[in-house]
Amino acid sequence: MSSASATTGAHQPGQSLATGGGALKTLEQFIIERQGDVPGSTGQFSRLLRDLSLAAKIVDRDVRKAGIVDIFGDSGEINVQGEVQKKLDILAHEEFVRALRRGGEVCLIGSEEHDEAIPIRIENCQGKYIVLFDPLDGSSNVDVNVSIGTIFSIYKVPDDHDGEVTVEHALQPGRNQVAAGYVVYGSSTMLVYTTGNGVNGFTLDPSIGEFLLSHPGIRTPEQGTIYSINEGNYNSWDTGLKRYIKWMQEEVPTDSPKRPYTT
């Protein structure tokens, strides 16, 4: 992205992001700087993001070693979506739950790889947050080196709860989210998150074990030239969607942007 290049300076292949000549920030530095923007901040949210990033680093390590230590393949279990769980799904789930339990900022966890919400068994839990996540989306692709990722959403525990935080407290509208983000594990590992005030991306520099700000102020283009959809389901689509996809595939070089779109 041009905005990232202008901010961070040119990055040479094989060169650590930390020594690339730009004034880069770690994720932790960035979070601490932004903490002051929120009145009444106690540091819990900053620590929560730290816990999530730690779990992501551990999952990154496991993904990269999967073919060596025999953690490819199915576990033999079925998740709440009716999907066959992969060994890596379960490992990633355990790492995120472990990190969130230890941190103390969370009172309830919801994971795609667990049938029920996971309460943090601490009497009078003082954590302010509920975290919902898919620990490893796309894990069936890991044995062919296709990118996979973690998706997470953070909500506040309602102020009117009576001491025990239950799954009902997690059933909140999306507008109540405190933050949301994802981690992509691929040719590089990247953590992207937002608190509703801009979107920022951090790339893991494995030489120092830190997520570094590499993509500040990410924005979606006003007009794109690419579409992405699973066309294997084409026959089940309604007529309007089929017509729209065909429109994007038509060759009309005089249009702005030019068609056909790429996929």
C-alpha atoms as a PDB file:
ATOM      1  CA  MET A   1       0.000   0.000   0.000  1.00  0.00           C
ATOM      2  CA  SER A   2       1.360   3.406  -0.927  1.00  0.00           C
ATOM      3  CA  SER A   3       0.316   4.960   2.388  1.00  0.00           C
ATOM      4  CA  ALA A   4       2.307   2.328   4.269  1.00  0.00           C
ATOM      5  CA  SER A   5       5.341   2.807   2.044  1.00  0.00           C
ATOM      6  CA  ALA A   6       5.310   6.545   2.533  1.00  0.00           C
ATOM      7  CA  THR A   7       5.069   6.184   6.277  1.00  0.00           C
ATOM      8  CA  THR A   8       7.498   3.371   6.913  1.00  0.00           C
ATOM      9  CA  GLY A   9      10.079   3.852   4.190  1.00  0.00           C
ATOM     10  CA  ALA A  10      11.240   1.314   1.635  1.00  0.00           C
ATOM     11  CA  HIS A  11      11.647  -2.208   2.920  1.00  0.00           C
ATOM     12  CA  GLN A  12      14.231  -4.411   1.283  1.00  0.00           C
ATOM     13  CA  PRO A  13      13.687  -8.179   0.864  1.00  0.00           C
ATOM     14  CA  GLY A  14      15.285 -10.135   3.678  1.00  0.00           C
ATOM     15  CA  GLN A  15      15.611  -7.036   5.836  1.00  0.00           C
ATOM     16  CA  SER A  16      14.021  -6.910   9.276  1.00  0.00           C
ATOM     17  CA  LEU A  17      11.164  -4.435   9.513  1.00  0.00           C
ATOM     18  CA  ALA A  18      12.772  -3.259  12.739  1.00  0.00           C
ATOM     19  CA  THR A  19      15.935  -2.166  10.901  1.00  0.00           C
ATOM     20  CA  GLY A  20      14.361  -0.971   7.641  1.00  0.00           C
ATOM     21  CA  GLY A  21      15.207   2.670   8.237  1.00  0.00           C
ATOM     22  CA  GLY A  22      11.666   3.839   9.032  1.00  0.00           C
ATOM     23  CA  ALA A  23      10.261   5.023  12.352  1.00  0.00           C
ATOM     24  CA  LEU A  24       8.234   1.901  13.068  1.00  0.00           C
ATOM     25  CA  LYS A  25       6.198   1.249  16.187  1.00  0.00           C
ATOM     26  CA  THR A  26       5.486  -2.038  17.895  1.00  0.00           C
ATOM     27  CA  LEU A  27       1.872  -3.008  18.478  1.00  0.00           C
ATOM     28  CA  GLU A  28       2.341  -2.446  22.208  1.00  0.00           C
ATOM     29  CA  GLN A  29       3.758   1.055  21.688  1.00  0.00           C
ATOM     30  CA  PHE A  30       0.894   1.907  19.349  1.00  0.00           C
ATOM     31  CA  ILE A  31      -1.730   0.674  21.816  1.00  0.00           C
ATOM     32  CA  ILE A  32      -0.212   2.631  24.706  1.00  0.00           C
ATOM     33  CA  GLU A  33      -0.131   5.811  22.608  1.00  0.00           C
ATOM     34  CA  ARG A  34      -3.812   5.400  21.717  1.00  0.00           C
ATOM     35  CA  GLN A  35      -4.844   4.490  25.265  1.00  0.00           C
ATOM     36  CA  GLY A  36      -4.924   8.139  26.261  1.00  0.00           C
ATOM     37  CA  ASP A  37      -7.594   8.819  23.633  1.00  0.00           C
ATOM     38  CA  VAL A  38     -10.169   6.944  25.725  1.00  0.00           C
ATOM     39  CA  PRO A  39     -11.405   8.754  28.871  1.00  0.00           C
ATOM     40  CA  GLY A  40     -11.167   6.656  32.020  1.00  0.00           C
ATOM     41  CA  SER A  41      -8.808   4.079  30.518  1.00  0.00           C
ATOM     42  CA  THR A  42      -7.489   1.577  33.046  1.00  0.00           C
ATOM     43  CA  GLY A  43      -5.132  -0.352  30.780  1.00  0.00           C
ATOM     44  CA  GLN A  44      -7.292  -3.498  30.647  1.00  0.00           C
ATOM     45  CA  PHE A  45      -8.039  -3.145  26.946  1.00  0.00           C
ATOM     46  CA  SER A  46      -4.362  -2.575  26.151  1.00  0.00           C
ATOM     47  CA  ARG A  47      -3.438  -5.718  28.052  1.00  0.00           C
ATOM     48  CA  LEU A  48      -6.203  -7.657  26.303  1.00  0.00           C
ATOM     49  CA  LEU A  49      -4.767  -6.803  22.872  1.00  0.00           C
ATOM     50  CA  ARG A  50      -1.358  -7.815  24.175  1.00  0.00           C
ATOM     51  CA  ASP A  51      -2.775 -11.219  25.186  1.00  0.00           C
ATOM     52  CA  LEU A  52      -4.379 -11.712  21.769  1.00  0.00           C
ATOM     53  CA  SER A  53      -1.141 -10.823  19.987  1.00  0.00           C
ATOM     54  CA  LEU A  54       0.809 -13.251  22.183  1.00  0.00           C
ATOM     55  CA  ALA A  55      -1.565 -16.090  21.303  1.00  0.00           C
ATOM     56  CA  ALA A  56      -1.278 -15.141  17.622  1.00  0.00           C
ATOM     57  CA  LYS A  57       2.520 -15.437  17.791  1.00  0.00           C
ATOM     58  CA  ILE A  58       2.225 -18.921  19.287  1.00  0.00           C
ATOM     59  CA  VAL A  59      -0.299 -19.992  16.640  1.00  0.00           C
ATOM     60  CA  ASP A  60       2.007 -18.586  13.947  1.00  0.00           C
ATOM     61  CA  ARG A  61       4.775 -20.812  15.278  1.00  0.00           C
ATOM     62  CA  ASP A  62       2.493 -23.867  15.293  1.00  0.00           C
ATOM     63  CA  VAL A  63       1.273 -23.208  11.738  1.00  0.00           C
ATOM     64  CA  ARG A  64       4.822 -22.915  10.420  1.00  0.00           C
ATOM     65  CA  LYS A  65       5.839 -26.181  12.094  1.00  0.00           C
ATOM     66  CA  ALA A  66       2.656 -28.103  11.276  1.00  0.00           C
ATOM     67  CA  GLY A  67       4.172 -30.287   8.569  1.00  0.00           C
ATOM     68  CA  ILE A  68       7.175 -31.162  10.717  1.00  0.00           C
ATOM     69  CA  VAL A  69       5.487 -32.131  13.987  1.00  0.00           C
ATOM     70  CA  ASP A  70       2.473 -33.959  12.485  1.00  0.00           C
ATOM     71  CA  ILE A  71      -0.345 -31.583  13.376  1.00  0.00           C
ATOM     72  CA  PHE A  72      -1.928 -31.616   9.919  1.00  0.00           C
ATOM     73  CA  GLY A  73      -5.189 -33.458   9.415  1.00  0.00           C
ATOM     74  CA  ASP A  74      -8.458 -34.087  11.216  1.00  0.00           C
ATOM     75  CA  SER A  75      -8.856 -34.482  14.954  1.00  0.00           C
ATOM     76  CA  GLY A  76     -11.947 -36.684  14.629  1.00  0.00           C
ATOM     77  CA  GLU A  77     -14.156 -34.125  16.412  1.00  0.00           C
ATOM     78  CA  ILE A  78     -16.979 -31.918  15.054  1.00  0.00           C
ATOM     79  CA  ASN A  79     -17.327 -28.213  15.931  1.00  0.00           C
ATOM     80  CA  VAL A  80     -20.487 -26.170  16.550  1.00  0.00           C
ATOM     81  CA  GLN A  81     -20.810 -25.419  12.819  1.00  0.00           C
ATOM     82  CA  GLY A  82     -20.885 -29.124  11.998  1.00  0.00           C
ATOM     83  CA  GLU A  83     -17.383 -28.964  10.517  1.00  0.00           C
ATOM     84  CA  VAL A  84     -14.700 -31.570  11.114  1.00  0.00           C
ATOM     85  CA  GLN A  85     -12.130 -30.037  13.446  1.00  0.00           C
ATOM     86  CA  LYS A  86      -8.514 -30.037  12.389  1.00  0.00           C
ATOM     87  CA  LYS A  87      -5.715 -30.674  14.866  1.00  0.00           C
ATOM     88  CA  LEU A  88      -4.564 -27.089  14.327  1.00  0.00           C
ATOM     89  CA  ASP A  89      -8.077 -25.782  15.097  1.00  0.00           C
ATOM     90  CA  ILE A  90      -7.896 -27.311  18.544  1.00  0.00           C
ATOM     91  CA  LEU A  91      -4.327 -26.151  19.192  1.00  0.00           C
ATOM     92  CA  ALA A  92      -5.184 -22.583  18.181  1.00  0.00           C
ATOM     93  CA  HIS A  93      -8.328 -22.637  20.347  1.00  0.00           C
ATOM     94  CA  GLU A  94      -6.330 -23.800  23.359  1.00  0.00           C
ATOM     95  CA  GLU A  95      -3.642 -21.143  22.874  1.00  0.00           C
ATOM     96  CA  PHE A  96      -6.120 -18.270  22.680  1.00  0.00           C
ATOM     97  CA  VAL A  97      -8.144 -19.512  25.648  1.00  0.00           C
ATOM     98  CA  ARG A  98      -4.978 -19.968  27.709  1.00  0.00           C
ATOM     99  CA  ALA A  99      -3.731 -16.457  26.916  1.00  0.00           C
ATOM    100  CA  LEU A 100      -7.097 -14.861  27.716  1.00  0.00           C
ATOM    101  CA  ARG A 101      -7.513 -16.807  30.973  1.00  0.00           C
ATOM    102  CA  ARG A 102      -4.106 -15.721  32.230  1.00  0.00           C
ATOM    103  CA  GLY A 103      -4.587 -12.068  31.338  1.00  0.00           C
ATOM    104  CA  GLY A 104      -7.516 -11.421  33.679  1.00  0.00           C
ATOM    105  CA  GLU A 105      -9.209  -8.862  31.418  1.00  0.00           C
ATOM    106  CA  VAL A 106     -11.905 -11.237  30.133  1.00  0.00           C
ATOM    107  CA  CYS A 107     -14.895 -12.774  31.941  1.00  0.00           C
ATOM    108  CA  LEU A 108     -16.352 -14.797  29.056  1.00  0.00           C
ATOM    109  CA  ILE A 109     -14.936 -16.406  25.908  1.00  0.00           C
ATOM    110  CA  GLY A 110     -16.812 -17.702  22.879  1.00  0.00           C
ATOM    111  CA  SER A 111     -14.965 -19.900  20.376  1.00  0.00           C
ATOM    112  CA  GLU A 112     -16.125 -21.630  17.200  1.00  0.00           C
ATOM    113  CA  GLU A 113     -14.261 -24.699  18.413  1.00  0.00           C
ATOM    114  CA  HIS A 114     -16.203 -25.057  21.675  1.00  0.00           C
ATOM    115  CA  ASP A 115     -19.885 -25.962  22.034  1.00  0.00           C
ATOM    116  CA  GLU A 116     -20.562 -23.634  24.950  1.00  0.00           C
ATOM    117  CA  ALA A 117     -19.404 -20.206  26.067  1.00  0.00           C
ATOM    118  CA  ILE A 118     -16.359 -20.461  28.315  1.00  0.00           C
ATOM    119  CA  PRO A 119     -16.710 -18.529  31.592  1.00  0.00           C
ATOM    120  CA  ILE A 120     -13.543 -17.472  33.380  1.00  0.00           C
ATOM    121  CA  ARG A 121     -13.913 -19.159  36.747  1.00  0.00           C
ATOM    122  CA  ILE A 122     -12.772 -16.314  38.934  1.00  0.00           C
ATOM    123  CA  GLU A 123     -15.048 -15.293  41.803  1.00  0.00           C
ATOM    124  CA  ASN A 124     -16.384 -11.792  41.145  1.00  0.00           C
ATOM    125  CA  CYS A 125     -14.482 -11.579  37.873  1.00  0.00           C
ATOM    126  CA  GLN A 126     -13.088  -8.067  37.474  1.00  0.00           C
ATOM    127  CA  GLY A 127     -12.501  -8.372  33.744  1.00  0.00           C
ATOM    128  CA  LYS A 128     -14.371  -5.846  31.638  1.00  0.00           C
ATOM    129  CA  TYR A 129     -14.521  -7.768  28.383  1.00  0.00           C
ATOM    130  CA  ILE A 130     -16.078 -10.612  26.413  1.00  0.00           C
ATOM    131  CA  VAL A 131     -14.062 -12.038  23.500  1.00  0.00           C
ATOM    132  CA  LEU A 132     -15.595 -14.033  20.640  1.00  0.00           C
ATOM    133  CA  PHE A 133     -13.347 -15.645  18.053  1.00  0.00           C
ATOM    134  CA  ASP A 134     -12.705 -18.234  15.392  1.00  0.00           C
ATOM    135  CA  PRO A 135      -9.204 -19.383  16.354  1.00  0.00           C
ATOM    136  CA  LEU A 136      -8.203 -20.683  12.919  1.00  0.00           C
ATOM    137  CA  ASP A 137     -10.441 -20.009   9.940  1.00  0.00           C
ATOM    138  CA  GLY A 138      -9.568 -21.932   6.765  1.00  0.00           C
ATOM    139  CA  SER A 139      -7.445 -24.532   8.548  1.00  0.00           C
ATOM    140  CA  SER A 140      -8.294 -27.136   5.891  1.00  0.00           C
ATOM    141  CA  ASN A 141      -5.999 -25.156   3.568  1.00  0.00           C
ATOM    142  CA  VAL A 142      -2.899 -25.291   5.742  1.00  0.00           C
ATOM    143  CA  ASP A 143      -1.421 -28.409   4.141  1.00  0.00           C
ATOM    144  CA  VAL A 144      -1.333 -26.663   0.733  1.00  0.00           C
ATOM    145  CA  ASN A 145       0.167 -23.416   2.089  1.00  0.00           C
ATOM    146  CA  VAL A 146      -2.923 -21.263   1.536  1.00  0.00           C
ATOM    147  CA  SER A 147      -3.311 -18.390   3.999  1.00  0.00           C
ATOM    148  CA  ILE A 148      -5.420 -19.041   7.096  1.00  0.00           C
ATOM    149  CA  GLY A 149      -6.416 -16.742   9.925  1.00  0.00           C
ATOM    150  CA  THR A 150      -7.908 -15.836  13.288  1.00  0.00           C
ATOM    151  CA  ILE A 151     -11.006 -13.613  13.559  1.00  0.00           C
ATOM    152  CA  PHE A 152     -11.918 -11.870  16.828  1.00  0.00           C
ATOM    153  CA  SER A 153     -14.531  -9.512  18.241  1.00  0.00           C
ATOM    154  CA  ILE A 154     -14.445  -7.751  21.616  1.00  0.00           C
ATOM    155  CA  TYR A 155     -17.428  -6.535  23.661  1.00  0.00           C
ATOM    156  CA  LYS A 156     -17.693  -4.954  27.102  1.00  0.00           C
ATOM    157  CA  VAL A 157     -19.366  -6.817  29.933  1.00  0.00           C
ATOM    158  CA  PRO A 158     -22.702  -5.002  30.534  1.00  0.00           C
ATOM    159  CA  ASP A 159     -22.618  -2.743  33.576  1.00  0.00           C
ATOM    160  CA  ASP A 160     -25.851  -4.220  34.935  1.00  0.00           C
ATOM    161  CA  HIS A 161     -24.670  -7.850  35.194  1.00  0.00           C
ATOM    162  CA  ASP A 162     -25.184  -9.454  38.600  1.00  0.00           C
ATOM    163  CA  GLY A 163     -21.706 -10.912  39.092  1.00  0.00           C
ATOM    164  CA  GLU A 164     -21.820 -13.973  36.848  1.00  0.00           C
ATOM    165  CA  VAL A 165     -21.219 -13.304  33.159  1.00  0.00           C
ATOM    166  CA  THR A 166     -23.163 -15.708  30.930  1.00  0.00           C
ATOM    167  CA  VAL A 167     -23.702 -16.298  27.232  1.00  0.00           C
ATOM    168  CA  GLU A 168     -26.696 -13.931  27.312  1.00  0.00           C
ATOM    169  CA  HIS A 169     -24.294 -11.069  28.033  1.00  0.00           C
ATOM    170  CA  ALA A 170     -22.428 -11.901  24.820  1.00  0.00           C
ATOM    171  CA  LEU A 171     -25.552 -11.589  22.662  1.00  0.00           C
ATOM    172  CA  GLN A 172     -25.080  -7.930  21.813  1.00  0.00           C
ATOM    173  CA  PRO A 173     -25.589  -6.032  18.538  1.00  0.00           C
ATOM    174  CA  GLY A 174     -22.531  -5.462  16.393  1.00  0.00           C
ATOM    175  CA  ARG A 175     -22.619  -1.713  17.054  1.00  0.00           C
ATOM    176  CA  ASN A 176     -21.637  -2.490  20.669  1.00  0.00           C
ATOM    177  CA  GLN A 177     -18.269  -3.899  19.640  1.00  0.00           C
ATOM    178  CA  VAL A 178     -15.312  -2.323  21.400  1.00  0.00           C
ATOM    179  CA  ALA A 179     -12.918  -3.669  18.783  1.00  0.00           C
ATOM    180  CA  ALA A 180     -12.657  -6.271  16.050  1.00  0.00           C
ATOM    181  CA  GLY A 181      -9.840  -7.671  13.983  1.00  0.00           C
ATOM    182  CA  TYR A 182      -8.111 -10.593  12.387  1.00  0.00           C
ATOM    183  CA  VAL A 183      -4.720 -12.242  12.042  1.00  0.00           C
ATOM    184  CA  VAL A 184      -3.575 -13.705   8.723  1.00  0.00           C
ATOM    185  CA  TYR A 185      -0.934 -16.448   8.805  1.00  0.00           C
ATOM    186  CA  GLY A 186       0.693 -16.682   5.387  1.00  0.00           C
ATOM    187  CA  SER A 187       3.873 -15.624   3.619  1.00  0.00           C
ATOM    188  CA  SER A 188       3.981 -13.072   6.418  1.00  0.00           C
ATOM    189  CA  THR A 189       1.817 -12.893   9.527  1.00  0.00           C
ATOM    190  CA  MET A 190      -0.272  -9.767   9.936  1.00  0.00           C
ATOM    191  CA  LEU A 191      -2.598  -8.537  12.689  1.00  0.00           C
ATOM    192  CA  VAL A 192      -5.234  -5.965  11.711  1.00  0.00           C
ATOM    193  CA  TYR A 193      -7.644  -4.350  14.163  1.00  0.00           C
ATOM    194  CA  THR A 194      -9.931  -1.384  14.667  1.00  0.00           C
ATOM    195  CA  THR A 195     -11.649   0.264  17.604  1.00  0.00           C
ATOM    196  CA  GLY A 196     -13.937   2.184  15.256  1.00  0.00           C
ATOM    197  CA  ASN A 197     -11.422   4.983  14.759  1.00  0.00           C
ATOM    198  CA  GLY A 198      -9.367   3.838  11.783  1.00  0.00           C
ATOM    199  CA  VAL A 199      -7.935   0.457  10.798  1.00  0.00           C
ATOM    200  CA  ASN A 200      -4.267  -0.379  11.305  1.00  0.00           C
ATOM    201  CA  GLY A 201      -2.180  -3.396  10.313  1.00  0.00           C
ATOM    202  CA  PHE A 202       0.875  -4.839  12.039  1.00  0.00           C
ATOM    203  CA  THR A 203       3.288  -7.318  10.469  1.00  0.00           C
ATOM    204  CA  LEU A 204       5.097  -9.863  12.646  1.00  0.00           C
ATOM    205  CA  ASP A 205       8.861  -9.479  12.417  1.00  0.00           C
ATOM    206  CA  PRO A 206      10.056 -12.984  13.343  1.00  0.00           C
ATOM    207  CA  SER A 207      13.606 -11.764  13.942  1.00  0.00           C
ATOM    208  CA  ILE A 208      12.489  -9.864  17.053  1.00  0.00           C
ATOM    209  CA  GLY A 209       9.116 -11.511  17.756  1.00  0.00           C
ATOM    210  CA  GLU A 210       7.144  -8.264  17.552  1.00  0.00           C
ATOM    211  CA  PHE A 211       4.170  -7.044  15.550  1.00  0.00           C
ATOM    212  CA  LEU A 212       5.266  -3.779  13.886  1.00  0.00           C
ATOM    213  CA  LEU A 213       3.017  -1.088  12.414  1.00  0.00           C
ATOM    214  CA  SER A 214       3.321  -1.647   8.670  1.00  0.00           C
ATOM    215  CA  HIS A 215      -0.071  -0.578   7.270  1.00  0.00           C
ATOM    216  CA  PRO A 216      -1.377   2.534   9.076  1.00  0.00           C
ATOM    217  CA  GLY A 217      -4.766   3.957   8.190  1.00  0.00           C
ATOM    218  CA  ILE A 218      -5.983   1.135   5.932  1.00  0.00           C
ATOM    219  CA  ARG A 219      -8.856   2.220   3.695  1.00  0.00           C
ATOM    220  CA  THR A 220     -11.031   0.455   1.138  1.00  0.00           C
ATOM    221  CA  PRO A 221     -10.752   2.055  -2.337  1.00  0.00           C
ATOM    222  CA  GLU A 222     -13.796   4.000  -3.491  1.00  0.00           C
ATOM    223  CA  GLN A 223     -13.876   1.851  -6.620  1.00  0.00           C
ATOM    224  CA  GLY A 224     -12.155  -1.492  -7.138  1.00  0.00           C
ATOM    225  CA  THR A 225     -11.506  -3.731 -10.133  1.00  0.00           C
ATOM    226  CA  ILE A 226     -11.500  -7.123  -8.395  1.00  0.00           C
ATOM    227  CA  TYR A 227     -14.328  -9.312  -7.150  1.00  0.00           C
ATOM    228  CA  SER A 228     -14.030 -12.407  -4.987  1.00  0.00           C
ATOM    229  CA  ILE A 229     -16.809 -14.965  -4.726  1.00  0.00           C
ATOM    230  CA  ASN A 230     -17.184 -18.737  -4.657  1.00  0.00           C
ATOM    231  CA  GLU A 231     -18.674 -19.343  -8.089  1.00  0.00           C
ATOM    232  CA  GLY A 232     -19.102 -23.035  -7.322  1.00  0.00           C
ATOM    233  CA  ASN A 233     -22.482 -22.039  -5.868  1.00  0.00           C
ATOM    234  CA  TYR A 234     -23.573 -20.161  -9.014  1.00  0.00           C
ATOM    235  CA  ASN A 235     -26.559 -22.417  -9.751  1.00  0.00           C
ATOM    236  CA  SER A 236     -28.097 -21.687  -6.346  1.00  0.00           C
ATOM    237  CA  TRP A 237     -27.886 -17.876  -6.638  1.00  0.00           C
ATOM    238  CA  ASP A 238     -30.880 -15.673  -7.360  1.00  0.00           C
ATOM    239  CA  THR A 239     -31.268 -14.068 -10.776  1.00  0.00           C
ATOM    240  CA  GLY A 240     -30.127 -10.606  -9.681  1.00  0.00           C
ATOM    241  CA  LEU A 241     -26.803 -11.837  -8.324  1.00  0.00           C
ATOM    242  CA  LYS A 242     -26.155 -13.929 -11.433  1.00  0.00           C
ATOM    243  CA  ARG A 243     -26.841 -10.890 -13.632  1.00  0.00           C
ATOM    244  CA  TYR A 244     -24.475  -8.724 -11.572  1.00  0.00           C
ATOM    245  CA  ILE A 245     -21.615 -11.241 -11.812  1.00  0.00           C
ATOM    246  CA  LYS A 246     -22.110 -11.509 -15.568  1.00  0.00           C
ATOM    247  CA  TRP A 247     -22.027  -7.699 -15.796  1.00  0.00           C
ATOM    248  CA  MET A 248     -18.631  -7.648 -14.038  1.00  0.00           C
ATOM    249  CA  GLN A 249     -17.314 -10.278 -16.446  1.00  0.00           C
ATOM    250  CA  GLU A 250     -18.301  -8.390 -19.603  1.00  0.00           C
ATOM    251  CA  GLU A 251     -15.464  -6.871 -21.632  1.00  0.00           C
ATOM    252  CA  VAL A 252     -16.132  -3.120 -21.804  1.00  0.00           C
ATOM    253  CA  PRO A 253     -12.726  -1.357 -21.869  1.00  0.00           C
ATOM    254  CA  THR A 254     -14.340   2.095 -22.128  1.00  0.00           C
ATOM    255  CA  ASP A 255     -15.970   1.807 -18.703  1.00  0.00           C
ATOM    256  CA  SER A 256     -14.379   3.437 -15.672  1.00  0.00           C
ATOM    257  CA  PRO A 257     -13.088   1.254 -14.150  1.00  0.00           C
ATOM    258  CA  LYS A 258     -12.568  -1.013 -17.116  1.00  0.00           C
ATOM    259  CA  ARG A 259     -14.402  -4.284 -17.353  1.00  0.00           C
ATOM    260  CA  PRO A 260     -14.061  -7.195 -17.066  1.00  0.00           C
ATOM    261  CA  TYR A 261     -13.206  -7.216 -13.389  1.00  0.00           C
ATOM    262  CA  THR A 262     -10.587  -9.721 -12.292  1.00  0.00           C
ATOM    263  CA  THR A 263     -11.144 -12.427  -9.718  1.00  0.00           C
END
